[in-house]
Amino acid sequence: MPEPKKRKTHHKTRIRRSKKIKKADRLIKCLKCDTLVKPHHVCRVCGTYKGTKYLDIEKRERKKKEREKEDKSEGENK
């Protein structure tokens, strides 16, 4: 079976390995609440994107609490 004439140089090996390094997430501050958010994503704390409200966080929390209460009551009935 044929073999390579020459092994890869250190430079080429290091260039290849440099692309495997995981980069840290870039974060920006939310315009409304100053929490760190990924760019082009809705803020999970206040539900805004570029100053416009897209999510009703309070409504979501209320529904979550109601579901938890229902799950607890179902667990007690069994």
PDB file of N, CA and C in Angstrom:
ATOM      1  N   MET A   1       0.848  -1.188   0.000  1.00  0.00           N
ATOM      2  CA  MET A   1       0.000   0.000   0.000  1.00  0.00           C
ATOM      3  C   MET A   1       0.891   1.247   0.000  1.00  0.00           C
ATOM      4  N   PRO A   2       0.552   2.238  -0.810  1.00  0.00           N
ATOM      5  CA  PRO A   2       1.418   3.426  -0.883  1.00  0.00           C
ATOM      6  C   PRO A   2       1.393   4.230   0.414  1.00  0.00           C
ATOM      7  N   GLU A   3       2.532   4.816   0.696  1.00  0.00           N
ATOM      8  CA  GLU A   3       2.651   5.637   1.901  1.00  0.00           C
ATOM      9  C   GLU A   3       3.025   7.048   1.494  1.00  0.00           C
ATOM     10  N   PRO A   4       2.673   8.037   2.333  1.00  0.00           N
ATOM     11  CA  PRO A   4       3.013   9.412   1.984  1.00  0.00           C
ATOM     12  C   PRO A   4       4.529   9.606   1.940  1.00  0.00           C
ATOM     13  N   LYS A   5       4.977  10.443   1.007  1.00  0.00           N
ATOM     14  CA  LYS A   5       6.415  10.678   0.880  1.00  0.00           C
ATOM     15  C   LYS A   5       6.958  11.398   2.106  1.00  0.00           C
ATOM     16  N   LYS A   6       6.135  12.277   2.658  1.00  0.00           N
ATOM     17  CA  LYS A   6       6.626  13.102   3.757  1.00  0.00           C
ATOM     18  C   LYS A   6       5.483  13.328   4.744  1.00  0.00           C
ATOM     19  N   ARG A   7       5.763  13.283   6.028  1.00  0.00           N
ATOM     20  CA  ARG A   7       4.703  13.549   6.993  1.00  0.00           C
ATOM     21  C   ARG A   7       4.344  15.028   6.989  1.00  0.00           C
ATOM     22  N   LYS A   8       3.197  15.350   7.541  1.00  0.00           N
ATOM     23  CA  LYS A   8       2.747  16.747   7.554  1.00  0.00           C
ATOM     24  C   LYS A   8       3.678  17.577   8.424  1.00  0.00           C
ATOM     25  N   THR A   9       3.881  18.805   8.026  1.00  0.00           N
ATOM     26  CA  THR A   9       4.732  19.692   8.803  1.00  0.00           C
ATOM     27  C   THR A   9       4.004  20.131  10.073  1.00  0.00           C
ATOM     28  N   HIS A  10       4.764  20.614  11.039  1.00  0.00           N
ATOM     29  CA  HIS A  10       4.169  21.088  12.296  1.00  0.00           C
ATOM     30  C   HIS A  10       3.200  22.235  12.023  1.00  0.00           C
ATOM     31  N   HIS A  11       3.563  23.089  11.092  1.00  0.00           N
ATOM     32  CA  HIS A  11       2.723  24.241  10.757  1.00  0.00           C
ATOM     33  C   HIS A  11       1.345  23.798  10.254  1.00  0.00           C
ATOM     34  N   LYS A  12       1.325  22.878   9.320  1.00  0.00           N
ATOM     35  CA  LYS A  12       0.053  22.396   8.765  1.00  0.00           C
ATOM     36  C   LYS A  12      -0.776  21.697   9.841  1.00  0.00           C
ATOM     37  N   THR A  13      -0.134  20.920  10.688  1.00  0.00           N
ATOM     38  CA  THR A  13      -0.839  20.220  11.758  1.00  0.00           C
ATOM     39  C   THR A  13      -1.474  21.214  12.718  1.00  0.00           C
ATOM     40  N   ARG A  14      -0.744  22.238  13.070  1.00  0.00           N
ATOM     41  CA  ARG A  14      -1.254  23.234  14.017  1.00  0.00           C
ATOM     42  C   ARG A  14      -2.386  24.062  13.411  1.00  0.00           C
ATOM     43  N   ILE A  15      -2.302  24.347  12.128  1.00  0.00           N
ATOM     44  CA  ILE A  15      -3.394  25.073  11.462  1.00  0.00           C
ATOM     45  C   ILE A  15      -4.673  24.241  11.532  1.00  0.00           C
ATOM     46  N   ARG A  16      -4.560  22.931  11.252  1.00  0.00           N
ATOM     47  CA  ARG A  16      -5.725  22.052  11.282  1.00  0.00           C
ATOM     48  C   ARG A  16      -6.310  21.986  12.698  1.00  0.00           C
ATOM     49  N   ARG A  17      -5.458  21.866  13.686  1.00  0.00           N
ATOM     50  CA  ARG A  17      -5.932  21.760  15.075  1.00  0.00           C
ATOM     51  C   ARG A  17      -6.533  23.057  15.591  1.00  0.00           C
ATOM     52  N   SER A  18      -6.092  24.185  15.060  1.00  0.00           N
ATOM     53  CA  SER A  18      -6.584  25.475  15.558  1.00  0.00           C
ATOM     54  C   SER A  18      -8.078  25.654  15.287  1.00  0.00           C
ATOM     55  N   LYS A  19      -8.596  24.982  14.277  1.00  0.00           N
ATOM     56  CA  LYS A  19     -10.012  25.108  13.944  1.00  0.00           C
ATOM     57  C   LYS A  19     -10.907  24.300  14.871  1.00  0.00           C
ATOM     58  N   LYS A  20     -10.314  23.397  15.649  1.00  0.00           N
ATOM     59  CA  LYS A  20     -11.096  22.550  16.551  1.00  0.00           C
ATOM     60  C   LYS A  20     -11.340  23.200  17.905  1.00  0.00           C
ATOM     61  N   ILE A  21     -10.686  24.320  18.168  1.00  0.00           N
ATOM     62  CA  ILE A  21     -10.835  24.995  19.447  1.00  0.00           C
ATOM     63  C   ILE A  21     -12.223  25.608  19.537  1.00  0.00           C
ATOM     64  N   LYS A  22     -12.914  25.360  20.645  1.00  0.00           N
ATOM     65  CA  LYS A  22     -14.245  25.917  20.832  1.00  0.00           C
ATOM     66  C   LYS A  22     -14.121  27.365  21.287  1.00  0.00           C
ATOM     67  N   LYS A  23     -14.825  28.234  20.600  1.00  0.00           N
ATOM     68  CA  LYS A  23     -14.782  29.651  20.917  1.00  0.00           C
ATOM     69  C   LYS A  23     -15.891  30.002  21.890  1.00  0.00           C
ATOM     70  N   ALA A  24     -15.636  30.969  22.735  1.00  0.00           N
ATOM     71  CA  ALA A  24     -16.631  31.410  23.709  1.00  0.00           C
ATOM     72  C   ALA A  24     -17.785  32.107  22.996  1.00  0.00           C
ATOM     73  N   ASP A  25     -18.981  31.982  23.565  1.00  0.00           N
ATOM     74  CA  ASP A  25     -20.152  32.644  22.987  1.00  0.00           C
ATOM     75  C   ASP A  25     -19.998  34.157  23.099  1.00  0.00           C
ATOM     76  N   ARG A  26     -20.364  34.833  22.041  1.00  0.00           N
ATOM     77  CA  ARG A  26     -20.356  36.286  22.081  1.00  0.00           C
ATOM     78  C   ARG A  26     -21.689  36.736  22.649  1.00  0.00           C
ATOM     79  N   LEU A  27     -21.640  37.625  23.597  1.00  0.00           N
ATOM     80  CA  LEU A  27     -22.849  38.098  24.260  1.00  0.00           C
ATOM     81  C   LEU A  27     -22.927  39.613  24.179  1.00  0.00           C
ATOM     82  N   ILE A  28     -24.151  40.108  24.115  1.00  0.00           N
ATOM     83  CA  ILE A  28     -24.391  41.545  24.126  1.00  0.00           C
ATOM     84  C   ILE A  28     -25.361  41.854  25.264  1.00  0.00           C
ATOM     85  N   LYS A  29     -25.449  43.121  25.636  1.00  0.00           N
ATOM     86  CA  LYS A  29     -26.375  43.525  26.695  1.00  0.00           C
ATOM     87  C   LYS A  29     -27.748  43.797  26.109  1.00  0.00           C
ATOM     88  N   CYS A  30     -28.775  43.351  26.824  1.00  0.00           N
ATOM     89  CA  CYS A  30     -30.155  43.643  26.434  1.00  0.00           C
ATOM     90  C   CYS A  30     -30.386  45.144  26.605  1.00  0.00           C
ATOM     91  N   LEU A  31     -31.093  45.746  25.668  1.00  0.00           N
ATOM     92  CA  LEU A  31     -31.328  47.188  25.722  1.00  0.00           C
ATOM     93  C   LEU A  31     -32.210  47.589  26.894  1.00  0.00           C
ATOM     94  N   LYS A  32     -33.098  46.699  27.314  1.00  0.00           N
ATOM     95  CA  LYS A  32     -34.064  47.044  28.349  1.00  0.00           C
ATOM     96  C   LYS A  32     -33.579  46.695  29.750  1.00  0.00           C
ATOM     97  N   CYS A  33     -33.071  45.462  29.937  1.00  0.00           N
ATOM     98  CA  CYS A  33     -32.770  45.019  31.304  1.00  0.00           C
ATOM     99  C   CYS A  33     -31.275  44.807  31.572  1.00  0.00           C
ATOM    100  N   ASP A  34     -30.413  45.052  30.597  1.00  0.00           N
ATOM    101  CA  ASP A  34     -28.951  44.958  30.739  1.00  0.00           C
ATOM    102  C   ASP A  34     -28.432  43.570  31.108  1.00  0.00           C
ATOM    103  N   THR A  35     -29.180  42.510  30.783  1.00  0.00           N
ATOM    104  CA  THR A  35     -28.647  41.163  30.993  1.00  0.00           C
ATOM    105  C   THR A  35     -27.930  40.729  29.709  1.00  0.00           C
ATOM    106  N   LEU A  36     -27.024  39.773  29.833  1.00  0.00           N
ATOM    107  CA  LEU A  36     -26.282  39.307  28.669  1.00  0.00           C
ATOM    108  C   LEU A  36     -27.124  38.348  27.851  1.00  0.00           C
ATOM    109  N   VAL A  37     -27.191  38.597  26.534  1.00  0.00           N
ATOM    110  CA  VAL A  37     -28.026  37.829  25.615  1.00  0.00           C
ATOM    111  C   VAL A  37     -27.202  37.528  24.367  1.00  0.00           C
ATOM    112  N   LYS A  38     -27.458  36.388  23.733  1.00  0.00           N
ATOM    113  CA  LYS A  38     -26.814  36.093  22.456  1.00  0.00           C
ATOM    114  C   LYS A  38     -27.326  37.078  21.409  1.00  0.00           C
ATOM    115  N   PRO A  39     -26.479  37.471  20.466  1.00  0.00           N
ATOM    116  CA  PRO A  39     -26.940  38.386  19.412  1.00  0.00           C
ATOM    117  C   PRO A  39     -28.055  37.761  18.585  1.00  0.00           C
ATOM    118  N   HIS A  40     -29.004  38.551  18.164  1.00  0.00           N
ATOM    119  CA  HIS A  40     -30.137  38.136  17.326  1.00  0.00           C
ATOM    120  C   HIS A  40     -31.049  37.136  18.026  1.00  0.00           C
ATOM    121  N   HIS A  41     -31.137  37.201  19.359  1.00  0.00           N
ATOM    122  CA  HIS A  41     -32.030  36.342  20.130  1.00  0.00           C
ATOM    123  C   HIS A  41     -32.892  37.205  21.046  1.00  0.00           C
ATOM    124  N   VAL A  42     -34.061  36.699  21.386  1.00  0.00           N
ATOM    125  CA  VAL A  42     -34.954  37.393  22.311  1.00  0.00           C
ATOM    126  C   VAL A  42     -34.420  37.204  23.723  1.00  0.00           C
ATOM    127  N   CYS A  43     -34.471  38.260  24.530  1.00  0.00           N
ATOM    128  CA  CYS A  43     -34.016  38.200  25.926  1.00  0.00           C
ATOM    129  C   CYS A  43     -34.966  37.318  26.719  1.00  0.00           C
ATOM    130  N   ARG A  44     -34.423  36.374  27.481  1.00  0.00           N
ATOM    131  CA  ARG A  44     -35.256  35.461  28.268  1.00  0.00           C
ATOM    132  C   ARG A  44     -35.762  36.095  29.560  1.00  0.00           C
ATOM    133  N   VAL A  45     -35.154  37.190  29.974  1.00  0.00           N
ATOM    134  CA  VAL A  45     -35.562  37.840  31.218  1.00  0.00           C
ATOM    135  C   VAL A  45     -36.754  38.765  30.991  1.00  0.00           C
ATOM    136  N   CYS A  46     -36.657  39.605  29.966  1.00  0.00           N
ATOM    137  CA  CYS A  46     -37.728  40.589  29.744  1.00  0.00           C
ATOM    138  C   CYS A  46     -38.548  40.310  28.485  1.00  0.00           C
ATOM    139  N   GLY A  47     -38.080  39.435  27.584  1.00  0.00           N
ATOM    140  CA  GLY A  47     -38.843  39.069  26.392  1.00  0.00           C
ATOM    141  C   GLY A  47     -38.793  40.080  25.267  1.00  0.00           C
ATOM    142  N   THR A  48     -37.751  40.924  25.227  1.00  0.00           N
ATOM    143  CA  THR A  48     -37.661  41.932  24.179  1.00  0.00           C
ATOM    144  C   THR A  48     -36.530  41.613  23.212  1.00  0.00           C
ATOM    145  N   TYR A  49     -36.640  42.157  21.998  1.00  0.00           N
ATOM    146  CA  TYR A  49     -35.597  42.062  20.994  1.00  0.00           C
ATOM    147  C   TYR A  49     -35.496  43.409  20.310  1.00  0.00           C
ATOM    148  N   LYS A  50     -34.344  44.031  20.401  1.00  0.00           N
ATOM    149  CA  LYS A  50     -34.104  45.375  19.852  1.00  0.00           C
ATOM    150  C   LYS A  50     -35.138  46.373  20.353  1.00  0.00           C
ATOM    151  N   GLY A  51     -35.495  46.275  21.631  1.00  0.00           N
ATOM    152  CA  GLY A  51     -36.415  47.225  22.241  1.00  0.00           C
ATOM    153  C   GLY A  51     -37.884  46.932  22.016  1.00  0.00           C
ATOM    154  N   THR A  52     -38.223  45.921  21.215  1.00  0.00           N
ATOM    155  CA  THR A  52     -39.611  45.565  20.946  1.00  0.00           C
ATOM    156  C   THR A  52     -39.967  44.313  21.730  1.00  0.00           C
ATOM    157  N   LYS A  53     -41.111  44.318  22.403  1.00  0.00           N
ATOM    158  CA  LYS A  53     -41.516  43.173  23.216  1.00  0.00           C
ATOM    159  C   LYS A  53     -42.127  42.087  22.321  1.00  0.00           C
ATOM    160  N   TYR A  54     -41.568  40.867  22.430  1.00  0.00           N
ATOM    161  CA  TYR A  54     -42.050  39.747  21.628  1.00  0.00           C
ATOM    162  C   TYR A  54     -42.651  38.641  22.476  1.00  0.00           C
ATOM    163  N   LEU A  55     -42.187  38.471  23.703  1.00  0.00           N
ATOM    164  CA  LEU A  55     -42.684  37.417  24.574  1.00  0.00           C
ATOM    165  C   LEU A  55     -43.303  38.007  25.829  1.00  0.00           C
ATOM    166  N   ASP A  56     -44.401  37.391  26.282  1.00  0.00           N
ATOM    167  CA  ASP A  56     -45.010  37.795  27.544  1.00  0.00           C
ATOM    168  C   ASP A  56     -44.493  36.835  28.622  1.00  0.00           C
ATOM    169  N   ILE A  57     -43.419  37.238  29.278  1.00  0.00           N
ATOM    170  CA  ILE A  57     -42.741  36.385  30.255  1.00  0.00           C
ATOM    171  C   ILE A  57     -43.650  36.110  31.453  1.00  0.00           C
ATOM    172  N   GLU A  58     -44.393  37.106  31.911  1.00  0.00           N
ATOM    173  CA  GLU A  58     -45.276  36.916  33.076  1.00  0.00           C
ATOM    174  C   GLU A  58     -46.341  35.856  32.789  1.00  0.00           C
ATOM    175  N   LYS A  59     -46.904  35.908  31.603  1.00  0.00           N
ATOM    176  CA  LYS A  59     -47.931  34.940  31.212  1.00  0.00           C
ATOM    177  C   LYS A  59     -47.330  33.532  31.179  1.00  0.00           C
ATOM    178  N   ARG A  60     -46.116  33.417  30.656  1.00  0.00           N
ATOM    179  CA  ARG A  60     -45.441  32.130  30.586  1.00  0.00           C
ATOM    180  C   ARG A  60     -45.191  31.555  31.991  1.00  0.00           C
ATOM    181  N   GLU A  61     -44.779  32.415  32.922  1.00  0.00           N
ATOM    182  CA  GLU A  61     -44.522  31.961  34.296  1.00  0.00           C
ATOM    183  C   GLU A  61     -45.810  31.510  34.976  1.00  0.00           C
ATOM    184  N   ARG A  62     -46.913  32.247  34.745  1.00  0.00           N
ATOM    185  CA  ARG A  62     -48.193  31.858  35.329  1.00  0.00           C
ATOM    186  C   ARG A  62     -48.628  30.479  34.834  1.00  0.00           C
ATOM    187  N   LYS A  63     -48.499  30.237  33.520  1.00  0.00           N
ATOM    188  CA  LYS A  63     -48.865  28.935  32.957  1.00  0.00           C
ATOM    189  C   LYS A  63     -47.994  27.827  33.534  1.00  0.00           C
ATOM    190  N   LYS A  64     -46.721  28.114  33.731  1.00  0.00           N
ATOM    191  CA  LYS A  64     -45.802  27.120  34.281  1.00  0.00           C
ATOM    192  C   LYS A  64     -46.206  26.746  35.705  1.00  0.00           C
ATOM    193  N   LYS A  65     -46.556  27.747  36.520  1.00  0.00           N
ATOM    194  CA  LYS A  65     -46.987  27.478  37.895  1.00  0.00           C
ATOM    195  C   LYS A  65     -48.279  26.672  37.922  1.00  0.00           C
ATOM    196  N   GLU A  66     -49.205  26.986  37.015  1.00  0.00           N
ATOM    197  CA  GLU A  66     -50.472  26.241  36.950  1.00  0.00           C
ATOM    198  C   GLU A  66     -50.221  24.779  36.595  1.00  0.00           C
ATOM    199  N   ARG A  67     -49.314  24.537  35.657  1.00  0.00           N
ATOM    200  CA  ARG A  67     -48.988  23.157  35.276  1.00  0.00           C
ATOM    201  C   ARG A  67     -48.367  22.391  36.439  1.00  0.00           C
ATOM    202  N   GLU A  68     -47.504  23.071  37.195  1.00  0.00           N
ATOM    203  CA  GLU A  68     -46.872  22.424  38.351  1.00  0.00           C
ATOM    204  C   GLU A  68     -47.919  22.054  39.398  1.00  0.00           C
ATOM    205  N   LYS A  69     -48.885  22.934  39.628  1.00  0.00           N
ATOM    206  CA  LYS A  69     -49.949  22.651  40.591  1.00  0.00           C
ATOM    207  C   LYS A  69     -50.775  21.450  40.142  1.00  0.00           C
ATOM    208  N   GLU A  70     -51.082  21.399  38.835  1.00  0.00           N
ATOM    209  CA  GLU A  70     -51.854  20.273  38.301  1.00  0.00           C
ATOM    210  C   GLU A  70     -51.085  18.958  38.449  1.00  0.00           C
ATOM    211  N   ASP A  71     -49.790  18.998  38.188  1.00  0.00           N
ATOM    212  CA  ASP A  71     -48.970  17.794  38.314  1.00  0.00           C
ATOM    213  C   ASP A  71     -48.928  17.306  39.760  1.00  0.00           C
ATOM    214  N   LYS A  72     -48.827  18.236  40.708  1.00  0.00           N
ATOM    215  CA  LYS A  72     -48.805  17.859  42.123  1.00  0.00           C
ATOM    216  C   LYS A  72     -50.130  17.247  42.548  1.00  0.00           C
ATOM    217  N   SER A  73     -51.234  17.865  42.091  1.00  0.00           N
ATOM    218  CA  SER A  73     -52.551  17.352  42.482  1.00  0.00           C
ATOM    219  C   SER A  73     -52.814  15.968  41.854  1.00  0.00           C
ATOM    220  N   GLU A  74     -52.338  15.728  40.645  1.00  0.00           N
ATOM    221  CA  GLU A  74     -52.480  14.418  40.023  1.00  0.00           C
ATOM    222  C   GLU A  74     -51.658  13.366  40.762  1.00  0.00           C
ATOM    223  N   GLY A  75     -50.477  13.752  41.230  1.00  0.00           N
ATOM    224  CA  GLY A  75     -49.618  12.839  41.964  1.00  0.00           C
ATOM    225  C   GLY A  75     -50.228  12.447  43.307  1.00  0.00           C
ATOM    226  N   GLU A  76     -50.941  13.373  43.962  1.00  0.00           N
ATOM    227  CA  GLU A  76     -51.564  13.081  45.250  1.00  0.00           C
ATOM    228  C   GLU A  76     -52.791  12.193  45.073  1.00  0.00           C
ATOM    229  N   ASN A  77     -53.504  12.322  43.975  1.00  0.00           N
ATOM    230  CA  ASN A  77     -54.718  11.527  43.745  1.00  0.00           C
ATOM    231  C   ASN A  77     -54.400  10.059  43.462  1.00  0.00           C
ATOM    232  N   LYS A  78     -53.237   9.769  42.958  1.00  0.00           N
ATOM    233  CA  LYS A  78     -52.897   8.382  42.608  1.00  0.00           C
ATOM    234  C   LYS A  78     -52.576   7.560  43.795  1.00  0.00           C
TER     235      LYS A  78
END
